[in-house]
Structures are given as structure tokens and as C-alpha cells.
Amino acid sequence: MRRLFTLMLLAAAAGIIWLLYANVQESRLFRLSTIPTPPTAQNPTTTISLTTVSTTNVLENPRFTGQDDKNRRWEITAQQANQHGSTTSGTLHLTTVSATLNLPENQQSKTQTNTITLNAQQAAYTQNTQQLQLNGRVTLQGRGLLLQAPAMQANLANQSVAASGGVRATLQLSQKGAQ
């Protein structure tokens, strides 16, 4: 009885495998050929070249510099920059970002620095508009101010920064003013 059951089970498995093999049809859905296949009247297809699928340019440790309309310098550094799509898209996706904005001289205080530093986990830098969208634990520090937010938008053309989300600001008092 056990032998008969085993033989029936093997025969059923062989039958299922034969049915699957006999009903195989060519699928154009997952074709990886770079040679275009001729379209038919019943089933027109389009073949995409494999070289156009992956068009991501990667830069390691990039550094971007510039100046605003008042000749104040700025600099962006990142661990990595990715440019998706065409090379003329102008938007770079940055990781581990630091941006430095040089401010006009502060005649009132010689102890405070004349730079503001922005740090973030990720950013999108649009080169033609000089916009920097920072995301992921963003901090702005300079001139005695520490500002933390989940996202900030920096306009490098006029050196303005806007924060969004839950914003936390800390004012660092100087030694002289605290006494």
C-alpha cells in the first residue's frame, strides 16, 4: 500500500512538471536583449537599450563653491553626490552634507565668527537656482545661534535660510555678556 502511494505521488509530480513544460510561452516582459525584436501585428513590443536604464553619475567627496550677489562666498561639501537622469538636470542628491556661508563682517563683536555652518544627513542641490534643500537632522550654527530642524531650505544666491518642521533654537551667550 505504501509503495503504491509513493508511485502515485511520483506520477502526479511528473505529470505536473510535464504540464508546466508543455505550456511554456515566450515572455517579452523580462527580455534583456539589447537587439530590438521586430514588432508583430498582434503583439507590438518596445525594447529599451540597457545603457539608458542606468544613468546615475556619482561623485565622491564633492566640493561646490560660489558667491552670492553681494560677493559673499559659500561652500558645500558632501560625502557623495548622485545625479540621476541626464547630466543637464542640474539637481544633485548629496549625502552627509556640510555648507558654509560667509557673512558680512560684524563690527560689534570680535569673538563671534563670520560664518554660518549647515550640516545635514541628506540634501538636494539645484545648481542653476543655487537652492539647497537639507533633510535629516539639520543643524545651523553661527554667531552664537544653534538651530536644529528636520528640514531647511537655503537660498545660496542671497544667503537666506528657512527652517521647517519642529524647529529648536539655542542662543549661546558669550562669556563677556554673561557676567
Protein backbone atom coordinates (compact mmCIF):
# COMPACT_ATOMS: atom_id res chain seq x y z
CA MET A 1 0.00 0.00 0.00
CA ARG A 2 2.80 2.39 0.91
CA ARG A 3 4.63 1.56 -2.31
CA LEU A 4 1.50 2.25 -4.39
CA PHE A 5 1.01 5.62 -2.67
CA THR A 6 4.64 6.59 -3.37
CA LEU A 7 4.32 5.61 -7.04
CA MET A 8 1.09 7.62 -7.41
CA LEU A 9 2.73 10.65 -5.79
CA LEU A 10 5.73 10.43 -8.15
CA ALA A 11 3.43 10.02 -11.17
CA ALA A 12 1.41 13.09 -10.14
CA ALA A 13 4.60 15.17 -9.70
CA ALA A 14 5.89 14.05 -13.10
CA GLY A 15 2.54 14.97 -14.66
CA ILE A 16 2.59 18.46 -13.15
CA ILE A 17 6.15 19.06 -14.35
CA TRP A 18 5.23 17.86 -17.85
CA LEU A 19 2.19 20.20 -17.94
CA LEU A 20 4.33 23.17 -16.91
CA TYR A 21 6.94 22.32 -19.53
CA ALA A 22 4.37 21.82 -22.28
CA ASN A 23 2.65 25.20 -21.62
CA VAL A 24 5.76 27.42 -21.60
CA GLN A 25 5.29 30.57 -23.69
CA GLU A 26 7.88 33.15 -24.63
CA SER A 27 7.60 36.21 -22.42
CA ARG A 28 8.62 39.60 -23.80
CA LEU A 29 8.09 41.22 -20.41
CA PHE A 30 11.51 40.33 -18.98
CA ARG A 31 13.60 40.35 -22.16
CA LEU A 32 17.15 41.65 -21.56
CA SER A 33 18.27 41.70 -25.16
CA THR A 34 19.62 44.99 -26.49
CA ILE A 35 18.73 43.94 -30.04
CA PRO A 36 15.24 45.18 -30.89
CA THR A 37 12.77 42.46 -31.75
CA PRO A 38 10.56 43.08 -34.76
CA PRO A 39 7.04 44.08 -33.72
CA THR A 40 4.18 41.90 -34.81
CA ALA A 41 0.65 43.00 -35.56
CA GLN A 42 -0.79 41.08 -32.59
CA ASN A 43 1.92 41.79 -30.01
CA PRO A 44 3.89 45.04 -30.54
CA THR A 45 6.91 45.38 -28.23
CA THR A 46 9.47 48.02 -27.43
CA THR A 47 13.00 47.13 -26.36
CA ILE A 48 14.90 49.61 -24.21
CA SER A 49 18.65 49.76 -24.50
CA LEU A 50 20.33 48.69 -21.26
CA THR A 51 22.62 51.72 -21.36
CA THR A 52 19.70 54.14 -20.95
CA VAL A 53 18.35 52.38 -17.86
CA SER A 54 21.25 53.30 -15.58
CA THR A 55 22.14 56.99 -15.95
CA THR A 56 23.34 57.90 -12.49
CA ASN A 57 26.55 59.88 -12.12
CA VAL A 58 28.28 59.55 -8.75
CA LEU A 59 30.83 61.97 -7.27
CA GLU A 60 32.86 61.06 -4.18
CA ASN A 61 33.70 63.89 -1.72
CA PRO A 62 32.45 66.71 -3.98
CA ARG A 63 33.02 70.38 -3.16
CA PHE A 64 30.95 73.20 -4.66
CA THR A 65 31.83 76.87 -4.20
CA GLY A 66 30.28 80.15 -5.26
CA GLN A 67 29.31 83.61 -4.15
CA ASP A 68 26.06 85.48 -3.76
CA ASP A 69 25.03 88.78 -5.32
CA LYS A 70 26.98 90.69 -2.60
CA ASN A 71 30.22 88.73 -3.23
CA ARG A 72 29.86 86.68 -0.04
CA ARG A 73 31.42 83.24 -0.53
CA TRP A 74 29.70 79.92 0.18
CA GLU A 75 30.87 76.31 0.02
CA ILE A 76 29.13 72.92 0.01
CA THR A 77 30.93 69.65 0.76
CA ALA A 78 29.44 66.16 0.88
CA GLN A 79 30.46 62.57 1.24
CA GLN A 80 28.76 61.65 -2.04
CA ALA A 81 26.73 63.32 -4.80
CA ASN A 82 24.41 61.48 -7.19
CA GLN A 83 22.97 62.99 -10.34
CA HIS A 84 20.00 60.99 -11.61
CA GLY A 85 18.76 61.25 -15.17
CA SER A 86 20.53 63.38 -17.73
CA THR A 87 23.67 65.33 -16.95
CA THR A 88 21.80 68.57 -17.68
CA SER A 89 19.19 68.05 -14.94
CA GLY A 90 21.15 70.29 -12.57
CA THR A 91 19.97 68.65 -9.32
CA LEU A 92 22.45 66.70 -7.23
CA HIS A 93 21.42 64.44 -4.35
CA LEU A 94 24.01 64.75 -1.58
CA THR A 95 24.75 62.62 1.49
CA THR A 96 26.49 63.77 4.70
CA VAL A 97 26.37 67.44 3.75
CA SER A 98 28.10 70.50 5.18
CA ALA A 99 27.56 74.02 3.84
CA THR A 100 29.38 77.17 4.94
CA LEU A 101 28.04 80.68 4.32
CA ASN A 102 30.35 83.66 4.84
CA LEU A 103 28.57 86.59 6.42
CA PRO A 104 29.47 90.28 6.34
CA GLU A 105 31.89 91.47 9.00
CA ASN A 106 30.36 92.02 12.42
CA GLN A 107 31.92 95.18 13.82
CA GLN A 108 30.10 94.77 17.17
CA SER A 109 31.76 91.52 18.22
CA LYS A 110 35.27 90.31 17.53
CA THR A 111 34.64 86.97 19.32
CA GLN A 112 31.91 85.66 17.03
CA THR A 113 32.74 84.02 13.73
CA ASN A 114 31.53 85.44 10.46
CA THR A 115 30.36 82.12 9.07
CA ILE A 116 27.23 80.04 9.37
CA THR A 117 27.56 76.28 9.01
CA LEU A 118 24.73 73.97 7.94
CA ASN A 119 25.01 70.20 8.45
CA ALA A 120 22.57 67.51 7.31
CA GLN A 121 22.32 63.82 6.51
CA GLN A 122 20.93 64.46 3.01
CA ALA A 123 20.40 67.37 0.66
CA ALA A 124 19.32 68.21 -2.86
CA TYR A 125 21.37 70.94 -4.53
CA THR A 126 19.92 72.59 -7.64
CA GLN A 127 22.84 74.23 -9.40
CA ASN A 128 21.05 76.61 -11.76
CA THR A 129 18.95 78.23 -8.98
CA GLN A 130 21.54 77.80 -6.19
CA GLN A 131 18.93 76.21 -3.91
CA LEU A 132 19.96 73.69 -1.24
CA GLN A 133 17.19 71.59 0.35
CA LEU A 134 18.59 69.93 3.51
CA ASN A 135 16.88 66.98 5.22
CA GLY A 136 17.55 64.72 8.19
CA ARG A 137 18.68 66.25 11.50
CA VAL A 138 19.70 69.60 10.04
CA THR A 139 21.73 71.99 12.19
CA LEU A 140 22.61 75.62 11.56
CA GLN A 141 25.33 77.10 13.73
CA GLY A 142 26.99 80.50 13.78
CA ARG A 143 27.14 83.86 15.54
CA GLY A 144 26.06 82.34 18.84
CA LEU A 145 22.99 80.61 17.43
CA LEU A 146 22.31 76.88 17.17
CA LEU A 147 19.21 76.00 15.15
CA GLN A 148 18.01 72.39 14.73
CA ALA A 149 15.19 71.24 12.42
CA PRO A 150 14.20 68.21 10.35
CA ALA A 151 14.46 70.27 7.13
CA MET A 152 15.89 73.59 5.95
CA GLN A 153 15.87 75.39 2.61
CA ALA A 154 18.95 77.51 1.85
CA ASN A 155 18.94 80.05 -0.97
CA LEU A 156 22.65 80.45 -1.69
CA ALA A 157 22.06 83.29 -4.18
CA ASN A 158 21.04 85.67 -1.38
CA GLN A 159 22.23 83.60 1.62
CA SER A 160 18.86 83.16 3.27
CA VAL A 161 17.78 80.05 5.19
CA ALA A 162 14.27 78.89 6.13
CA ALA A 163 13.62 76.02 8.56
CA SER A 164 10.54 73.80 8.67
CA GLY A 165 9.16 71.17 11.00
CA GLY A 166 9.84 71.16 14.73
CA VAL A 167 12.48 73.88 15.00
CA ARG A 168 14.67 74.23 18.10
CA ALA A 169 16.82 77.33 18.59
CA THR A 170 19.54 77.79 21.22
CA LEU A 171 21.27 81.11 21.80
CA GLN A 172 24.83 80.77 23.06
CA LEU A 173 25.74 83.76 25.22
CA SER A 174 29.33 84.95 25.15
CA GLN A 175 31.48 84.97 28.30
CA LYS A 176 31.54 88.78 28.34
CA GLY A 177 27.76 89.17 28.09
CA ALA A 178 27.03 86.52 30.76
CA GLN A 179 28.86 88.36 33.54
